[in-house]
Amino acid sequence: MTKLSFALCLTVGLATWASQSLAYDAPKASTPPVIDGDASDAAWSNAPWQAIDQLTLGEQPAAEDFSGRFKIVWTPSKLYLLGEIVDDILIDTHADPLEAYWEDDTFEIFLDEDHSGGDHLDNYNAFAYHIALDNQAIDRNTSGKPRYLNDHVTSVWKRQAGDDNKIIWEASFDIYPDTFSDTNNKATPVTLESGKKMGFMVAYCDSDSSQGREHFIGSYDIPALDGDKNRGYIDASVFETLVLVD
């Protein structure tokens, strides 16, 4: 390899690493958005869009099959998410919200309150909120069983007039520390403040049939472990960084 080729490879590699290392700066909302599936709230105007376009599992979908992007803002008491999703087929084939929820169309939000990273499978070091089309939020408990976390999340989505395949999905989150537990729970949501850093990632399970999800698309290109990029529900170290700013 020539010196020029090596330099070009190094430059491209560093640029790729840098783009992956950038944090999402979430602005503070002076007035919190109303969670109603309407993106016209003034709070969203100052937040940047970030794409949901990184293939985690399955095959890369065509844009008309699935595309998405999101914004985040915050207040001292809550984190707010706006998702703009294009999905040509919405599927919710499992009547029981606790059964195979990842196989239906699902908006998935990963949150690590103290940005500590590490294992969070079957524990509350971090949360993987699976928000289904019925707006219920599910994650696994410390016994490895799915449980409701609806008291953490408020979620509403609506189809958009003039574009039947586009939906606006809004959600708010109480941010819980890793002291949250399944029993005798005395954990309370933390108070958010400017400068706080959290681990986070946004993803979407796209299902077009009763056979289960065809695509799992995220906001971050997770480094593969033995060829597997589907690590978000296990390891909070693969999350992005969310920075709360004024």
Protein backbone atom coordinates (compact mmCIF):
# COMPACT_ATOMS: atom_id res chain seq x y z
CA MET A 1 0.00 0.00 0.00
CA THR A 2 1.35 3.43 -0.92
CA LYS A 3 1.66 6.21 1.63
CA LEU A 4 -1.11 8.09 -0.17
CA SER A 5 -3.46 5.10 -0.08
CA PHE A 6 -2.72 4.54 3.60
CA ALA A 7 -3.38 8.19 4.36
CA LEU A 8 -6.68 8.09 2.50
CA CYS A 9 -7.76 4.93 4.33
CA LEU A 10 -6.80 6.46 7.66
CA THR A 11 -8.71 9.65 6.87
CA VAL A 12 -11.83 7.76 5.85
CA GLY A 13 -11.58 5.55 8.93
CA LEU A 14 -11.21 8.49 11.27
CA ALA A 15 -14.09 10.30 9.59
CA THR A 16 -16.31 7.26 9.98
CA TRP A 17 -15.33 6.87 13.64
CA ALA A 18 -15.90 10.58 14.28
CA SER A 19 -19.36 10.50 12.71
CA GLN A 20 -20.26 7.53 14.89
CA SER A 21 -18.88 9.23 18.01
CA LEU A 22 -20.92 12.40 17.72
CA ALA A 23 -23.51 12.86 20.46
CA TYR A 24 -27.09 13.96 19.98
CA ASP A 25 -27.64 17.35 21.65
CA ALA A 26 -31.23 17.52 22.91
CA PRO A 27 -32.45 21.08 23.59
CA LYS A 28 -34.49 21.99 26.65
CA ALA A 29 -38.15 22.72 25.97
CA SER A 30 -39.50 25.84 27.66
CA THR A 31 -42.98 24.42 27.10
CA PRO A 32 -43.22 20.63 26.85
CA PRO A 33 -44.82 19.18 23.73
CA VAL A 34 -48.27 17.65 24.05
CA ILE A 35 -48.15 13.90 23.41
CA ASP A 36 -50.93 13.67 20.83
CA GLY A 37 -49.32 12.59 17.54
CA ASP A 38 -49.18 16.19 16.28
CA ALA A 39 -45.70 17.54 15.52
CA SER A 40 -46.71 21.21 15.43
CA ASP A 41 -45.57 21.95 19.01
CA ALA A 42 -43.04 24.79 19.13
CA ALA A 43 -40.74 22.69 21.32
CA TRP A 44 -39.76 20.50 18.36
CA SER A 45 -38.56 23.41 16.19
CA ASN A 46 -35.17 23.71 17.92
CA ALA A 47 -34.32 19.99 17.91
CA PRO A 48 -32.26 18.43 15.10
CA TRP A 49 -33.50 15.45 13.12
CA GLN A 50 -31.53 12.21 13.27
CA ALA A 51 -32.15 9.39 10.83
CA ILE A 52 -33.17 5.85 11.70
CA ASP A 53 -31.31 4.19 8.84
CA GLN A 54 -28.69 1.79 10.21
CA LEU A 55 -29.40 -1.88 9.45
CA THR A 56 -29.19 -4.02 12.57
CA LEU A 57 -31.00 -7.19 11.49
CA GLY A 58 -32.49 -8.51 8.25
CA GLU A 59 -32.18 -6.73 4.91
CA GLN A 60 -32.06 -3.01 4.22
CA PRO A 61 -35.64 -1.97 3.36
CA ALA A 62 -36.60 0.23 0.43
CA ALA A 63 -37.48 3.78 1.47
CA GLU A 64 -41.18 3.23 0.74
CA ASP A 65 -41.14 0.07 2.89
CA PHE A 66 -39.60 1.82 5.88
CA SER A 67 -37.82 5.06 6.62
CA GLY A 68 -37.68 7.07 9.80
CA ARG A 69 -36.15 9.92 11.75
CA PHE A 70 -36.56 11.42 15.21
CA LYS A 71 -36.04 14.41 17.49
CA ILE A 72 -35.56 14.63 21.26
CA VAL A 73 -36.21 17.46 23.74
CA TRP A 74 -36.38 17.51 27.52
CA THR A 75 -37.71 19.22 30.62
CA PRO A 76 -36.52 18.65 34.20
CA SER A 77 -39.18 15.97 34.66
CA LYS A 78 -39.28 14.13 31.31
CA LEU A 79 -37.59 13.23 28.04
CA TYR A 80 -39.67 13.70 24.87
CA LEU A 81 -39.35 11.87 21.56
CA LEU A 82 -40.83 12.77 18.17
CA GLY A 83 -40.67 10.07 15.51
CA GLU A 84 -41.56 10.50 11.84
CA ILE A 85 -42.07 7.04 10.38
CA VAL A 86 -42.89 5.91 6.83
CA ASP A 87 -44.13 2.31 6.88
CA ASP A 88 -46.23 0.87 4.07
CA ILE A 89 -47.66 -1.96 6.20
CA LEU A 90 -48.42 -1.77 9.92
CA ILE A 91 -48.66 -5.15 11.64
CA ASP A 92 -49.78 -6.10 15.14
CA THR A 93 -50.57 -9.81 14.97
CA HIS A 94 -50.04 -10.73 18.62
CA ALA A 95 -53.09 -9.91 20.73
CA ASP A 96 -51.14 -10.45 23.95
CA PRO A 97 -48.81 -7.43 24.38
CA LEU A 98 -46.30 -9.64 26.23
CA GLU A 99 -46.04 -12.24 23.45
CA ALA A 100 -43.36 -11.87 20.73
CA TYR A 101 -43.76 -8.08 20.83
CA TRP A 102 -40.56 -7.61 18.80
CA GLU A 103 -42.10 -9.48 15.84
CA ASP A 104 -44.74 -6.77 15.27
CA ASP A 105 -44.16 -3.17 14.20
CA THR A 106 -42.54 -1.65 17.25
CA PHE A 107 -40.81 1.63 18.10
CA GLU A 108 -37.88 0.79 20.36
CA ILE A 109 -36.10 3.30 22.59
CA PHE A 110 -33.02 2.37 24.60
CA LEU A 111 -32.11 4.52 27.62
CA ASP A 112 -29.17 4.29 30.04
CA GLU A 113 -29.73 6.98 32.67
CA ASP A 114 -26.19 7.19 34.03
CA HIS A 115 -24.39 6.44 30.74
CA SER A 116 -22.55 3.59 32.44
CA GLY A 117 -22.89 1.07 29.60
CA GLY A 118 -22.55 -2.64 30.20
CA ASP A 119 -24.97 -5.54 30.41
CA HIS A 120 -28.67 -4.76 30.80
CA LEU A 121 -30.23 -8.05 29.74
CA ASP A 122 -32.72 -9.02 32.44
CA ASN A 123 -31.73 -6.12 34.69
CA TYR A 124 -32.35 -2.39 34.89
CA ASN A 125 -28.85 -1.09 34.27
CA ALA A 126 -30.57 0.31 31.16
CA PHE A 127 -34.02 0.05 29.60
CA ALA A 128 -35.15 -1.18 26.19
CA TYR A 129 -38.65 0.20 25.82
CA HIS A 130 -40.56 -1.67 23.10
CA ILE A 131 -43.54 0.56 22.27
CA ALA A 132 -46.15 -1.35 20.30
CA LEU A 133 -48.89 -0.06 18.01
CA ASP A 134 -51.27 -0.19 20.99
CA ASN A 135 -48.89 2.28 22.73
CA GLN A 136 -47.93 -0.15 25.49
CA ALA A 137 -44.27 -0.25 26.60
CA ILE A 138 -42.60 -3.60 27.31
CA ASP A 139 -39.16 -4.68 28.54
CA ARG A 140 -37.79 -7.80 30.23
CA ASN A 141 -37.72 -8.09 34.00
CA THR A 142 -34.99 -9.57 36.19
CA SER A 143 -36.43 -13.06 35.64
CA GLY A 144 -36.11 -12.70 31.87
CA LYS A 145 -39.87 -12.36 31.43
CA PRO A 146 -41.58 -9.49 29.59
CA ARG A 147 -43.30 -6.89 31.77
CA TYR A 148 -45.29 -3.71 31.28
CA LEU A 149 -43.56 -0.38 31.85
CA ASN A 150 -46.53 1.76 30.88
CA ASP A 151 -46.07 3.94 33.95
CA HIS A 152 -42.71 5.05 32.49
CA VAL A 153 -43.96 5.99 29.02
CA THR A 154 -46.79 7.96 27.43
CA SER A 155 -47.14 7.25 23.70
CA VAL A 156 -49.47 8.39 20.90
CA TRP A 157 -49.14 7.99 17.12
CA LYS A 158 -51.30 9.15 14.22
CA ARG A 159 -51.41 8.65 10.46
CA GLN A 160 -50.84 11.82 8.47
CA ALA A 161 -53.51 13.26 6.18
CA GLY A 162 -52.45 13.09 2.55
CA ASP A 163 -49.81 10.43 3.18
CA ASP A 164 -51.33 7.23 4.49
CA ASN A 165 -47.93 5.58 4.99
CA LYS A 166 -46.50 8.35 7.20
CA ILE A 167 -47.13 8.42 10.93
CA ILE A 168 -46.11 10.87 13.62
CA TRP A 169 -45.21 9.10 16.85
CA GLU A 170 -44.73 11.08 20.05
CA ALA A 171 -43.67 9.71 23.41
CA SER A 172 -42.56 11.01 26.79
CA PHE A 173 -40.39 9.15 29.28
CA ASP A 174 -39.82 9.30 33.00
CA ILE A 175 -36.11 8.56 33.38
CA TYR A 176 -35.44 5.93 36.02
CA PRO A 177 -32.05 5.07 37.58
CA ASP A 178 -30.62 1.57 37.76
CA THR A 179 -31.99 1.22 41.30
CA PHE A 180 -35.37 0.44 39.73
CA SER A 181 -36.50 -3.07 40.63
CA ASP A 182 -39.38 -5.49 40.10
CA THR A 183 -40.42 -5.67 43.74
CA ASN A 184 -40.58 -3.22 46.65
CA ASN A 185 -39.63 -0.54 44.19
CA LYS A 186 -38.73 2.78 45.82
CA ALA A 187 -36.93 4.20 42.81
CA THR A 188 -38.26 7.52 41.55
CA PRO A 189 -37.55 9.25 38.24
CA VAL A 190 -34.44 11.42 38.20
CA THR A 191 -34.58 15.17 37.69
CA LEU A 192 -32.97 16.12 34.39
CA GLU A 193 -30.60 19.06 34.03
CA SER A 194 -28.45 20.68 31.38
CA GLY A 195 -25.16 18.89 30.75
CA LYS A 196 -26.45 15.47 31.74
CA LYS A 197 -25.31 12.62 29.50
CA MET A 198 -27.25 9.43 28.96
CA GLY A 199 -26.83 6.41 26.76
CA PHE A 200 -29.59 6.10 24.18
CA MET A 201 -30.53 4.61 20.85
CA VAL A 202 -33.67 4.58 18.73
CA ALA A 203 -34.76 1.67 16.54
CA TYR A 204 -37.77 0.28 14.69
CA CYS A 205 -38.93 -3.30 14.22
CA ASP A 206 -40.53 -3.40 10.76
CA SER A 207 -42.90 -6.28 10.13
CA ASP A 208 -44.84 -6.70 6.88
CA SER A 209 -46.56 -10.02 7.59
CA SER A 210 -47.59 -12.41 10.33
CA GLN A 211 -44.27 -14.19 9.85
CA GLY A 212 -42.47 -11.60 12.00
CA ARG A 213 -40.16 -8.65 11.52
CA GLU A 214 -38.25 -8.43 8.26
CA HIS A 215 -36.09 -5.47 9.22
CA PHE A 216 -34.62 -4.02 12.39
CA ILE A 217 -33.32 -0.51 11.74
CA GLY A 218 -31.54 1.70 14.26
CA SER A 219 -30.10 5.17 14.68
CA TYR A 220 -26.54 3.95 15.22
CA ASP A 221 -24.27 1.55 13.34
CA ILE A 222 -23.49 -0.99 16.06
CA PRO A 223 -20.10 -2.70 15.71
CA ALA A 224 -20.75 -6.38 15.00
CA LEU A 225 -19.75 -9.02 17.56
CA ASP A 226 -19.10 -12.30 15.76
CA GLY A 227 -21.17 -10.92 12.90
CA ASP A 228 -24.09 -9.90 15.13
CA LYS A 229 -25.18 -6.25 15.34
CA ASN A 230 -28.35 -6.94 17.33
CA ARG A 231 -26.71 -6.06 20.64
CA GLY A 232 -28.80 -3.14 21.87
CA TYR A 233 -31.11 -5.20 24.06
CA ILE A 234 -28.09 -6.80 25.77
CA ASP A 235 -25.26 -4.27 26.03
CA ALA A 236 -25.72 -0.57 26.81
CA SER A 237 -22.11 0.06 25.77
CA VAL A 238 -23.26 0.09 22.12
CA PHE A 239 -25.62 3.03 22.71
CA GLU A 240 -25.07 6.54 21.44
CA THR A 241 -24.61 9.49 23.78
CA LEU A 242 -27.50 11.84 24.49
CA VAL A 243 -26.49 15.25 25.87
CA LEU A 244 -29.08 17.55 27.44
CA VAL A 245 -28.41 21.17 26.49
CA ASP A 246 -30.12 24.50 27.18
